[in-house]
Amino acid sequence: PQDVAQLKSLAAQNTPTRVIGLKIGRTESAIYTQASQKGVSLA
């Protein structure tokens, strides 16, 4: 749940996907997949 909360927070701050991946410790594709599953916009 902390990873998901951090993903939502960073996405809301317009953080680039690559940077989100580095901060959470996941690949870019994992970030895209999780964001899609949780309804988080990365635009």
All heavy atoms as atom14 arrays in JSON, in Angstrom:
{
  "sequence": "PQDVAQLKSLAAQNTPTRVIGLKIGRTESAIYTQASQKGVSLA",
  "atom14_mask": [
    [1, 1, 1, 1, 1, 1, 1, 0, 0, 0, 0, 0, 0, 0],
    [1, 1, 1, 1, 1, 1, 1, 1, 1, 0, 0, 0, 0, 0],
    [1, 1, 1, 1, 1, 1, 1, 1, 0, 0, 0, 0, 0, 0],
    [1, 1, 1, 1, 1, 1, 1, 0, 0, 0, 0, 0, 0, 0],
    [1, 1, 1, 1, 1, 0, 0, 0, 0, 0, 0, 0, 0, 0],
    [1, 1, 1, 1, 1, 1, 1, 1, 1, 0, 0, 0, 0, 0],
    [1, 1, 1, 1, 1, 1, 1, 1, 0, 0, 0, 0, 0, 0],
    [1, 1, 1, 1, 1, 1, 1, 1, 1, 0, 0, 0, 0, 0],
    [1, 1, 1, 1, 1, 1, 0, 0, 0, 0, 0, 0, 0, 0],
    [1, 1, 1, 1, 1, 1, 1, 1, 0, 0, 0, 0, 0, 0],
    [1, 1, 1, 1, 1, 0, 0, 0, 0, 0, 0, 0, 0, 0],
    [1, 1, 1, 1, 1, 0, 0, 0, 0, 0, 0, 0, 0, 0],
    [1, 1, 1, 1, 1, 1, 1, 1, 1, 0, 0, 0, 0, 0],
    [1, 1, 1, 1, 1, 1, 1, 1, 0, 0, 0, 0, 0, 0],
    [1, 1, 1, 1, 1, 1, 1, 0, 0, 0, 0, 0, 0, 0],
    [1, 1, 1, 1, 1, 1, 1, 0, 0, 0, 0, 0, 0, 0],
    [1, 1, 1, 1, 1, 1, 1, 0, 0, 0, 0, 0, 0, 0],
    [1, 1, 1, 1, 1, 1, 1, 1, 1, 1, 1, 0, 0, 0],
    [1, 1, 1, 1, 1, 1, 1, 0, 0, 0, 0, 0, 0, 0],
    [1, 1, 1, 1, 1, 1, 1, 1, 0, 0, 0, 0, 0, 0],
    [1, 1, 1, 1, 0, 0, 0, 0, 0, 0, 0, 0, 0, 0],
    [1, 1, 1, 1, 1, 1, 1, 1, 0, 0, 0, 0, 0, 0],
    [1, 1, 1, 1, 1, 1, 1, 1, 1, 0, 0, 0, 0, 0],
    [1, 1, 1, 1, 1, 1, 1, 1, 0, 0, 0, 0, 0, 0],
    [1, 1, 1, 1, 0, 0, 0, 0, 0, 0, 0, 0, 0, 0],
    [1, 1, 1, 1, 1, 1, 1, 1, 1, 1, 1, 0, 0, 0],
    [1, 1, 1, 1, 1, 1, 1, 0, 0, 0, 0, 0, 0, 0],
    [1, 1, 1, 1, 1, 1, 1, 1, 1, 0, 0, 0, 0, 0],
    [1, 1, 1, 1, 1, 1, 0, 0, 0, 0, 0, 0, 0, 0],
    [1, 1, 1, 1, 1, 0, 0, 0, 0, 0, 0, 0, 0, 0],
    [1, 1, 1, 1, 1, 1, 1, 1, 0, 0, 0, 0, 0, 0],
    [1, 1, 1, 1, 1, 1, 1, 1, 1, 1, 1, 1, 0, 0],
    [1, 1, 1, 1, 1, 1, 1, 0, 0, 0, 0, 0, 0, 0],
    [1, 1, 1, 1, 1, 1, 1, 1, 1, 0, 0, 0, 0, 0],
    [1, 1, 1, 1, 1, 0, 0, 0, 0, 0, 0, 0, 0, 0],
    [1, 1, 1, 1, 1, 1, 0, 0, 0, 0, 0, 0, 0, 0],
    [1, 1, 1, 1, 1, 1, 1, 1, 1, 0, 0, 0, 0, 0],
    [1, 1, 1, 1, 1, 1, 1, 1, 1, 0, 0, 0, 0, 0],
    [1, 1, 1, 1, 0, 0, 0, 0, 0, 0, 0, 0, 0, 0],
    [1, 1, 1, 1, 1, 1, 1, 0, 0, 0, 0, 0, 0, 0],
    [1, 1, 1, 1, 1, 1, 0, 0, 0, 0, 0, 0, 0, 0],
    [1, 1, 1, 1, 1, 1, 1, 1, 0, 0, 0, 0, 0, 0],
    [1, 1, 1, 1, 1, 0, 0, 0, 0, 0, 0, 0, 0, 0]
  ],
  "atom14_positions": [
    [[0.82, -1.22, 0.0], [0.0, 0.0, 0.0], [0.85, 1.27, 0.0], [0.47, 2.28, -0.58], [-0.82, -0.12, 1.29], [-0.9, -1.59, 1.55], [0.42, -2.15, 1.06], [0.0, 0.0, 0.0], [0.0, 0.0, 0.0], [0.0, 0.0, 0.0], [0.0, 0.0, 0.0], [0.0, 0.0, 0.0], [0.0, 0.0, 0.0], [0.0, 0.0, 0.0]],
    [[2.03, 1.22, 0.62], [2.93, 2.38, 0.62], [3.47, 2.65, -0.79], [3.61, 3.81, -1.19], [4.1, 2.16, 1.59], [3.7, 2.13, 3.03], [3.22, 0.76, 3.49], [3.33, -0.23, 2.79], [2.65, 0.71, 4.69], [0.0, 0.0, 0.0], [0.0, 0.0, 0.0], [0.0, 0.0, 0.0], [0.0, 0.0, 0.0], [0.0, 0.0, 0.0]],
    [[3.77, 1.59, -1.53], [4.24, 1.75, -2.92], [3.16, 2.41, -3.78], [3.44, 3.32, -4.56], [4.62, 0.4, -3.53], [5.87, -0.21, -2.96], [6.68, 0.53, -2.35], [6.06, -1.43, -3.12], [0.0, 0.0, 0.0], [0.0, 0.0, 0.0], [0.0, 0.0, 0.0], [0.0, 0.0, 0.0], [0.0, 0.0, 0.0], [0.0, 0.0, 0.0]],
    [[1.93, 1.95, -3.62], [0.81, 2.5, -4.4], [0.57, 3.96, -4.02], [0.37, 4.81, -4.89], [-0.46, 1.66, -4.19], [-1.65, 2.29, -4.9], [-0.25, 0.23, -4.69], [0.0, 0.0, 0.0], [0.0, 0.0, 0.0], [0.0, 0.0, 0.0], [0.0, 0.0, 0.0], [0.0, 0.0, 0.0], [0.0, 0.0, 0.0], [0.0, 0.0, 0.0]],
    [[0.64, 4.27, -2.73], [0.46, 5.66, -2.29], [1.56, 6.56, -2.85], [1.29, 7.68, -3.28], [0.44, 5.72, -0.76], [0.0, 0.0, 0.0], [0.0, 0.0, 0.0], [0.0, 0.0, 0.0], [0.0, 0.0, 0.0], [0.0, 0.0, 0.0], [0.0, 0.0, 0.0], [0.0, 0.0, 0.0], [0.0, 0.0, 0.0], [0.0, 0.0, 0.0]],
    [[2.79, 6.05, -2.87], [3.9, 6.83, -3.42], [3.73, 7.02, -4.92], [4.0, 8.1, -5.45], [5.23, 6.13, -3.11], [6.43, 6.97, -3.46], [7.74, 6.33, -3.04], [7.79, 5.16, -2.69], [8.8, 7.1, -3.1], [0.0, 0.0, 0.0], [0.0, 0.0, 0.0], [0.0, 0.0, 0.0], [0.0, 0.0, 0.0], [0.0, 0.0, 0.0]],
    [[3.25, 6.0, -5.62], [2.98, 6.1, -7.05], [1.95, 7.19, -7.31], [2.14, 8.05, -8.17], [2.49, 4.76, -7.6], [1.92, 4.76, -9.02], [2.99, 5.14, -10.03], [1.32, 3.41, -9.35], [0.0, 0.0, 0.0], [0.0, 0.0, 0.0], [0.0, 0.0, 0.0], [0.0, 0.0, 0.0], [0.0, 0.0, 0.0], [0.0, 0.0, 0.0]],
    [[0.86, 7.18, -6.56], [-0.19, 8.18, -6.74], [0.32, 9.58, -6.45], [0.03, 10.53, -7.17], [-1.38, 7.86, -5.83], [-2.16, 6.65, -6.28], [-3.31, 6.35, -5.35], [-4.08, 5.11, -5.81], [-5.21, 4.82, -4.92], [0.0, 0.0, 0.0], [0.0, 0.0, 0.0], [0.0, 0.0, 0.0], [0.0, 0.0, 0.0], [0.0, 0.0, 0.0]],
    [[1.1, 9.72, -5.4], [1.64, 11.02, -5.02], [2.6, 11.56, -6.09], [2.49, 12.73, -6.49], [2.37, 10.9, -3.68], [3.04, 12.08, -3.37], [0.0, 0.0, 0.0], [0.0, 0.0, 0.0], [0.0, 0.0, 0.0], [0.0, 0.0, 0.0], [0.0, 0.0, 0.0], [0.0, 0.0, 0.0], [0.0, 0.0, 0.0], [0.0, 0.0, 0.0]],
    [[3.51, 10.73, -6.55], [4.48, 11.17, -7.56], [3.8, 11.46, -8.9], [4.17, 12.41, -9.59], [5.58, 10.12, -7.73], [6.52, 9.95, -6.54], [7.4, 8.72, -6.7], [7.36, 11.19, -6.34], [0.0, 0.0, 0.0], [0.0, 0.0, 0.0], [0.0, 0.0, 0.0], [0.0, 0.0, 0.0], [0.0, 0.0, 0.0], [0.0, 0.0, 0.0]],
    [[2.79, 10.67, -9.26], [2.07, 10.91, -10.5], [1.32, 12.23, -10.44], [1.25, 12.97, -11.43], [1.11, 9.77, -10.79], [0.0, 0.0, 0.0], [0.0, 0.0, 0.0], [0.0, 0.0, 0.0], [0.0, 0.0, 0.0], [0.0, 0.0, 0.0], [0.0, 0.0, 0.0], [0.0, 0.0, 0.0], [0.0, 0.0, 0.0], [0.0, 0.0, 0.0]],
    [[0.77, 12.57, -9.28], [0.04, 13.83, -9.12], [0.98, 15.03, -9.22], [0.54, 16.13, -9.56], [-0.67, 13.84, -7.78], [0.0, 0.0, 0.0], [0.0, 0.0, 0.0], [0.0, 0.0, 0.0], [0.0, 0.0, 0.0], [0.0, 0.0, 0.0], [0.0, 0.0, 0.0], [0.0, 0.0, 0.0], [0.0, 0.0, 0.0], [0.0, 0.0, 0.0]],
    [[2.26, 14.82, -8.96], [3.25, 15.9, -9.03], [3.92, 15.98, -10.4], [4.93, 16.66, -10.55], [4.32, 15.69, -7.96], [3.8, 15.71, -6.56], [4.86, 15.29, -5.55], [6.03, 15.13, -5.87], [4.43, 15.08, -4.32], [0.0, 0.0, 0.0], [0.0, 0.0, 0.0], [0.0, 0.0, 0.0], [0.0, 0.0, 0.0], [0.0, 0.0, 0.0]],
    [[3.39, 15.27, -11.39], [3.94, 15.26, -12.75], [5.37, 14.71, -12.82], [6.17, 15.13, -13.65], [3.91, 16.64, -13.4], [2.53, 17.07, -13.77], [1.67, 16.24, -14.03], [2.32, 18.37, -13.8], [0.0, 0.0, 0.0], [0.0, 0.0, 0.0], [0.0, 0.0, 0.0], [0.0, 0.0, 0.0], [0.0, 0.0, 0.0], [0.0, 0.0, 0.0]],
    [[5.7, 13.78, -11.96], [7.02, 13.17, -11.97], [7.13, 12.22, -13.17], [6.21, 11.45, -13.42], [7.25, 12.37, -10.67], [7.0, 13.23, -9.56], [8.66, 11.83, -10.59], [0.0, 0.0, 0.0], [0.0, 0.0, 0.0], [0.0, 0.0, 0.0], [0.0, 0.0, 0.0], [0.0, 0.0, 0.0], [0.0, 0.0, 0.0], [0.0, 0.0, 0.0]],
    [[8.23, 12.29, -13.93], [8.4, 11.38, -15.06], [8.37, 9.92, -14.62], [8.8, 9.57, -13.51], [9.78, 11.74, -15.62], [10.03, 13.13, -15.14], [9.34, 13.24, -13.81], [0.0, 0.0, 0.0], [0.0, 0.0, 0.0], [0.0, 0.0, 0.0], [0.0, 0.0, 0.0], [0.0, 0.0, 0.0], [0.0, 0.0, 0.0], [0.0, 0.0, 0.0]],
    [[7.88, 9.07, -15.5], [7.71, 7.65, -15.18], [9.04, 7.0, -14.8], [9.09, 6.19, -13.87], [7.11, 6.9, -16.38], [5.96, 7.63, -16.82], [6.7, 5.51, -16.0], [0.0, 0.0, 0.0], [0.0, 0.0, 0.0], [0.0, 0.0, 0.0], [0.0, 0.0, 0.0], [0.0, 0.0, 0.0], [0.0, 0.0, 0.0], [0.0, 0.0, 0.0]],
    [[10.09, 7.35, -15.49], [11.4, 6.76, -15.18], [11.84, 7.12, -13.76], [12.37, 6.28, -13.02], [12.44, 7.24, -16.21], [13.83, 6.72, -15.96], [13.91, 5.24, -16.25], [15.24, 4.75, -15.96], [15.5, 3.59, -15.41], [14.53, 2.76, -15.13], [16.72, 3.22, -15.16], [0.0, 0.0, 0.0], [0.0, 0.0, 0.0], [0.0, 0.0, 0.0]],
    [[11.6, 8.35, -13.35], [11.98, 8.79, -12.01], [11.12, 8.09, -10.96], [11.62, 7.67, -9.91], [11.86, 10.33, -11.89], [12.15, 10.79, -10.48], [12.81, 11.01, -12.88], [0.0, 0.0, 0.0], [0.0, 0.0, 0.0], [0.0, 0.0, 0.0], [0.0, 0.0, 0.0], [0.0, 0.0, 0.0], [0.0, 0.0, 0.0], [0.0, 0.0, 0.0]],
    [[9.83, 7.93, -11.25], [8.95, 7.19, -10.33], [9.49, 5.78, -10.14], [9.57, 5.28, -9.02], [7.5, 7.15, -10.85], [6.88, 8.54, -10.87], [6.65, 6.22, -10.0], [5.51, 8.61, -11.52], [0.0, 0.0, 0.0], [0.0, 0.0, 0.0], [0.0, 0.0, 0.0], [0.0, 0.0, 0.0], [0.0, 0.0, 0.0], [0.0, 0.0, 0.0]],
    [[9.86, 5.15, -11.24], [10.4, 3.8, -11.17], [11.66, 3.71, -10.33], [11.82, 2.77, -9.54], [0.0, 0.0, 0.0], [0.0, 0.0, 0.0], [0.0, 0.0, 0.0], [0.0, 0.0, 0.0], [0.0, 0.0, 0.0], [0.0, 0.0, 0.0], [0.0, 0.0, 0.0], [0.0, 0.0, 0.0], [0.0, 0.0, 0.0], [0.0, 0.0, 0.0]],
    [[12.52, 4.68, -10.47], [13.76, 4.67, -9.68], [13.47, 4.89, -8.2], [14.1, 4.28, -7.34], [14.72, 5.75, -10.19], [15.35, 5.48, -11.56], [16.12, 6.71, -12.03], [16.26, 4.27, -11.48], [0.0, 0.0, 0.0], [0.0, 0.0, 0.0], [0.0, 0.0, 0.0], [0.0, 0.0, 0.0], [0.0, 0.0, 0.0], [0.0, 0.0, 0.0]],
    [[12.53, 5.76, -7.88], [12.21, 6.05, -6.48], [11.52, 4.87, -5.8], [11.76, 4.59, -4.63], [11.35, 7.29, -6.36], [12.11, 8.56, -6.65], [11.28, 9.78, -6.4], [12.15, 11.02, -6.65], [11.61, 12.2, -6.0], [0.0, 0.0, 0.0], [0.0, 0.0, 0.0], [0.0, 0.0, 0.0], [0.0, 0.0, 0.0], [0.0, 0.0, 0.0]],
    [[10.64, 4.18, -6.54], [9.91, 3.06, -5.96], [10.71, 1.76, -6.09], [10.5, 0.83, -5.32], [8.52, 2.92, -6.63], [7.68, 4.17, -6.33], [7.78, 1.69, -6.13], [6.32, 4.17, -6.99], [0.0, 0.0, 0.0], [0.0, 0.0, 0.0], [0.0, 0.0, 0.0], [0.0, 0.0, 0.0], [0.0, 0.0, 0.0], [0.0, 0.0, 0.0]],
    [[11.62, 1.72, -7.04], [12.43, 0.51, -7.24], [11.76, -0.47, -8.18], [11.87, -1.68, -8.0], [0.0, 0.0, 0.0], [0.0, 0.0, 0.0], [0.0, 0.0, 0.0], [0.0, 0.0, 0.0], [0.0, 0.0, 0.0], [0.0, 0.0, 0.0], [0.0, 0.0, 0.0], [0.0, 0.0, 0.0], [0.0, 0.0, 0.0], [0.0, 0.0, 0.0]],
    [[11.05, 0.06, -9.17], [10.35, -0.77, -10.16], [10.73, -0.33, -11.56], [11.24, 0.77, -11.75], [8.83, -0.64, -10.01], [8.3, -0.89, -8.63], [8.19, -2.35, -8.37], [7.67, -2.58, -7.01], [7.14, -3.7, -6.62], [7.04, -4.71, -7.45], [6.71, -3.85, -5.39], [0.0, 0.0, 0.0], [0.0, 0.0, 0.0], [0.0, 0.0, 0.0]],
    [[10.44, -1.17, -12.53], [10.71, -0.8, -13.92], [9.6, 0.13, -14.42], [8.52, 0.22, -13.82], [10.75, -2.06, -14.81], [9.49, -2.7, -14.76], [11.85, -3.01, -14.37], [0.0, 0.0, 0.0], [0.0, 0.0, 0.0], [0.0, 0.0, 0.0], [0.0, 0.0, 0.0], [0.0, 0.0, 0.0], [0.0, 0.0, 0.0], [0.0, 0.0, 0.0]],
    [[9.86, 0.79, -15.55], [8.86, 1.68, -16.14], [7.61, 0.91, -16.51], [6.49, 1.4, -16.3], [9.42, 2.37, -17.38], [10.3, 3.55, -17.08], [10.71, 4.26, -18.35], [11.74, 3.87, -18.92], [9.99, 5.19, -18.76], [0.0, 0.0, 0.0], [0.0, 0.0, 0.0], [0.0, 0.0, 0.0], [0.0, 0.0, 0.0], [0.0, 0.0, 0.0]],
    [[7.78, -0.28, -17.06], [6.61, -1.06, -17.46], [5.78, -1.47, -16.24], [4.55, -1.51, -16.31], [7.01, -2.28, -18.28], [7.83, -3.14, -17.53], [0.0, 0.0, 0.0], [0.0, 0.0, 0.0], [0.0, 0.0, 0.0], [0.0, 0.0, 0.0], [0.0, 0.0, 0.0], [0.0, 0.0, 0.0], [0.0, 0.0, 0.0], [0.0, 0.0, 0.0]],
    [[6.43, -1.74, -15.12], [5.7, -2.06, -13.89], [4.92, -0.84, -13.4], [3.79, -0.98, -12.91], [6.66, -2.53, -12.81], [0.0, 0.0, 0.0], [0.0, 0.0, 0.0], [0.0, 0.0, 0.0], [0.0, 0.0, 0.0], [0.0, 0.0, 0.0], [0.0, 0.0, 0.0], [0.0, 0.0, 0.0], [0.0, 0.0, 0.0], [0.0, 0.0, 0.0]],
    [[5.5, 0.33, -13.56], [4.81, 1.57, -13.16], [3.58, 1.77, -14.03], [2.48, 2.06, -13.52], [5.76, 2.79, -13.28], [6.97, 2.63, -12.35], [5.02, 4.09, -13.02], [6.63, 2.56, -10.89], [0.0, 0.0, 0.0], [0.0, 0.0, 0.0], [0.0, 0.0, 0.0], [0.0, 0.0, 0.0], [0.0, 0.0, 0.0], [0.0, 0.0, 0.0]],
    [[3.73, 1.6, -15.35], [2.59, 1.76, -16.26], [1.48, 0.75, -15.94], [0.3, 1.08, -15.91], [3.03, 1.58, -17.72], [3.71, 2.77, -18.31], [5.03, 2.71, -18.73], [3.05, 3.99, -18.45], [5.67, 3.8, -19.28], [3.68, 5.09, -19.0], [4.98, 4.99, -19.41], [5.61, 6.09, -19.95], [0.0, 0.0, 0.0], [0.0, 0.0, 0.0]],
    [[1.86, -0.49, -15.69], [0.88, -1.54, -15.4], [0.12, -1.25, -14.12], [-1.11, -1.32, -14.07], [1.58, -2.92, -15.31], [2.26, -3.17, -16.53], [0.59, -4.02, -15.01], [0.0, 0.0, 0.0], [0.0, 0.0, 0.0], [0.0, 0.0, 0.0], [0.0, 0.0, 0.0], [0.0, 0.0, 0.0], [0.0, 0.0, 0.0], [0.0, 0.0, 0.0]],
    [[0.84, -0.92, -13.06], [0.2, -0.66, -11.77], [-0.67, 0.59, -11.84], [-1.76, 0.61, -11.27], [1.26, -0.5, -10.67], [0.69, -0.46, -9.27], [0.07, -1.77, -8.84], [0.33, -2.83, -9.39], [-0.77, -1.72, -7.85], [0.0, 0.0, 0.0], [0.0, 0.0, 0.0], [0.0, 0.0, 0.0], [0.0, 0.0, 0.0], [0.0, 0.0, 0.0]],
    [[-0.21, 1.61, -12.53], [-0.99, 2.84, -12.67], [-2.29, 2.53, -13.42], [-3.36, 3.03, -13.04], [-0.19, 3.9, -13.41], [0.0, 0.0, 0.0], [0.0, 0.0, 0.0], [0.0, 0.0, 0.0], [0.0, 0.0, 0.0], [0.0, 0.0, 0.0], [0.0, 0.0, 0.0], [0.0, 0.0, 0.0], [0.0, 0.0, 0.0], [0.0, 0.0, 0.0]],
    [[-2.22, 1.7, -14.43], [-3.42, 1.32, -15.18], [-4.38, 0.54, -14.3], [-5.6, 0.78, -14.33], [-3.01, 0.49, -16.39], [-4.14, 0.02, -17.07], [0.0, 0.0, 0.0], [0.0, 0.0, 0.0], [0.0, 0.0, 0.0], [0.0, 0.0, 0.0], [0.0, 0.0, 0.0], [0.0, 0.0, 0.0], [0.0, 0.0, 0.0], [0.0, 0.0, 0.0]],
    [[-3.88, -0.37, -13.51], [-4.73, -1.19, -12.63], [-5.39, -0.36, -11.54], [-6.52, -0.64, -11.14], [-3.91, -2.31, -12.0], [-3.51, -3.39, -12.97], [-2.62, -4.44, -12.33], [-2.21, -4.32, -11.17], [-2.3, -5.48, -13.1], [0.0, 0.0, 0.0], [0.0, 0.0, 0.0], [0.0, 0.0, 0.0], [0.0, 0.0, 0.0], [0.0, 0.0, 0.0]],
    [[-4.69, 0.65, -11.05], [-5.21, 1.47, -9.95], [-5.93, 2.72, -10.43], [-6.42, 3.51, -9.63], [-4.06, 1.89, -9.0], [-3.37, 0.73, -8.34], [-4.3, -0.04, -7.43], [-3.55, -1.19, -6.77], [-4.42, -2.0, -5.94], [0.0, 0.0, 0.0], [0.0, 0.0, 0.0], [0.0, 0.0, 0.0], [0.0, 0.0, 0.0], [0.0, 0.0, 0.0]],
    [[-5.96, 2.94, -11.75], [-6.65, 4.11, -12.29], [-5.91, 5.41, -12.07], [-6.52, 6.47, -11.97], [0.0, 0.0, 0.0], [0.0, 0.0, 0.0], [0.0, 0.0, 0.0], [0.0, 0.0, 0.0], [0.0, 0.0, 0.0], [0.0, 0.0, 0.0], [0.0, 0.0, 0.0], [0.0, 0.0, 0.0], [0.0, 0.0, 0.0], [0.0, 0.0, 0.0]],
    [[-4.59, 5.35, -12.04], [-3.75, 6.53, -11.85], [-3.3, 7.04, -13.21], [-2.76, 6.29, -14.01], [-2.51, 6.2, -10.98], [-1.59, 7.4, -10.84], [-2.93, 5.68, -9.63], [0.0, 0.0, 0.0], [0.0, 0.0, 0.0], [0.0, 0.0, 0.0], [0.0, 0.0, 0.0], [0.0, 0.0, 0.0], [0.0, 0.0, 0.0], [0.0, 0.0, 0.0]],
    [[-3.53, 8.32, -13.48], [-3.13, 8.9, -14.75], [-1.67, 9.35, -14.68], [-1.27, 10.04, -13.74], [-4.01, 10.1, -15.08], [-3.53, 10.74, -16.24], [0.0, 0.0, 0.0], [0.0, 0.0, 0.0], [0.0, 0.0, 0.0], [0.0, 0.0, 0.0], [0.0, 0.0, 0.0], [0.0, 0.0, 0.0], [0.0, 0.0, 0.0], [0.0, 0.0, 0.0]],
    [[-0.91, 8.96, -15.68], [0.49, 9.36, -15.76], [0.68, 10.48, -16.78], [1.81, 10.91, -17.03], [1.37, 8.16, -16.13], [1.4, 7.03, -15.1], [2.16, 5.84, -15.64], [2.01, 7.51, -13.79], [0.0, 0.0, 0.0], [0.0, 0.0, 0.0], [0.0, 0.0, 0.0], [0.0, 0.0, 0.0], [0.0, 0.0, 0.0], [0.0, 0.0, 0.0]],
    [[-0.41, 10.96, -17.37], [-0.33, 12.04, -18.36], [0.02, 13.35, -17.66], [-0.51, 13.64, -16.59], [-1.65, 12.18, -19.08], [0.0, 0.0, 0.0], [0.0, 0.0, 0.0], [0.0, 0.0, 0.0], [0.0, 0.0, 0.0], [0.0, 0.0, 0.0], [0.0, 0.0, 0.0], [0.0, 0.0, 0.0], [0.0, 0.0, 0.0], [0.0, 0.0, 0.0]]
  ]
}
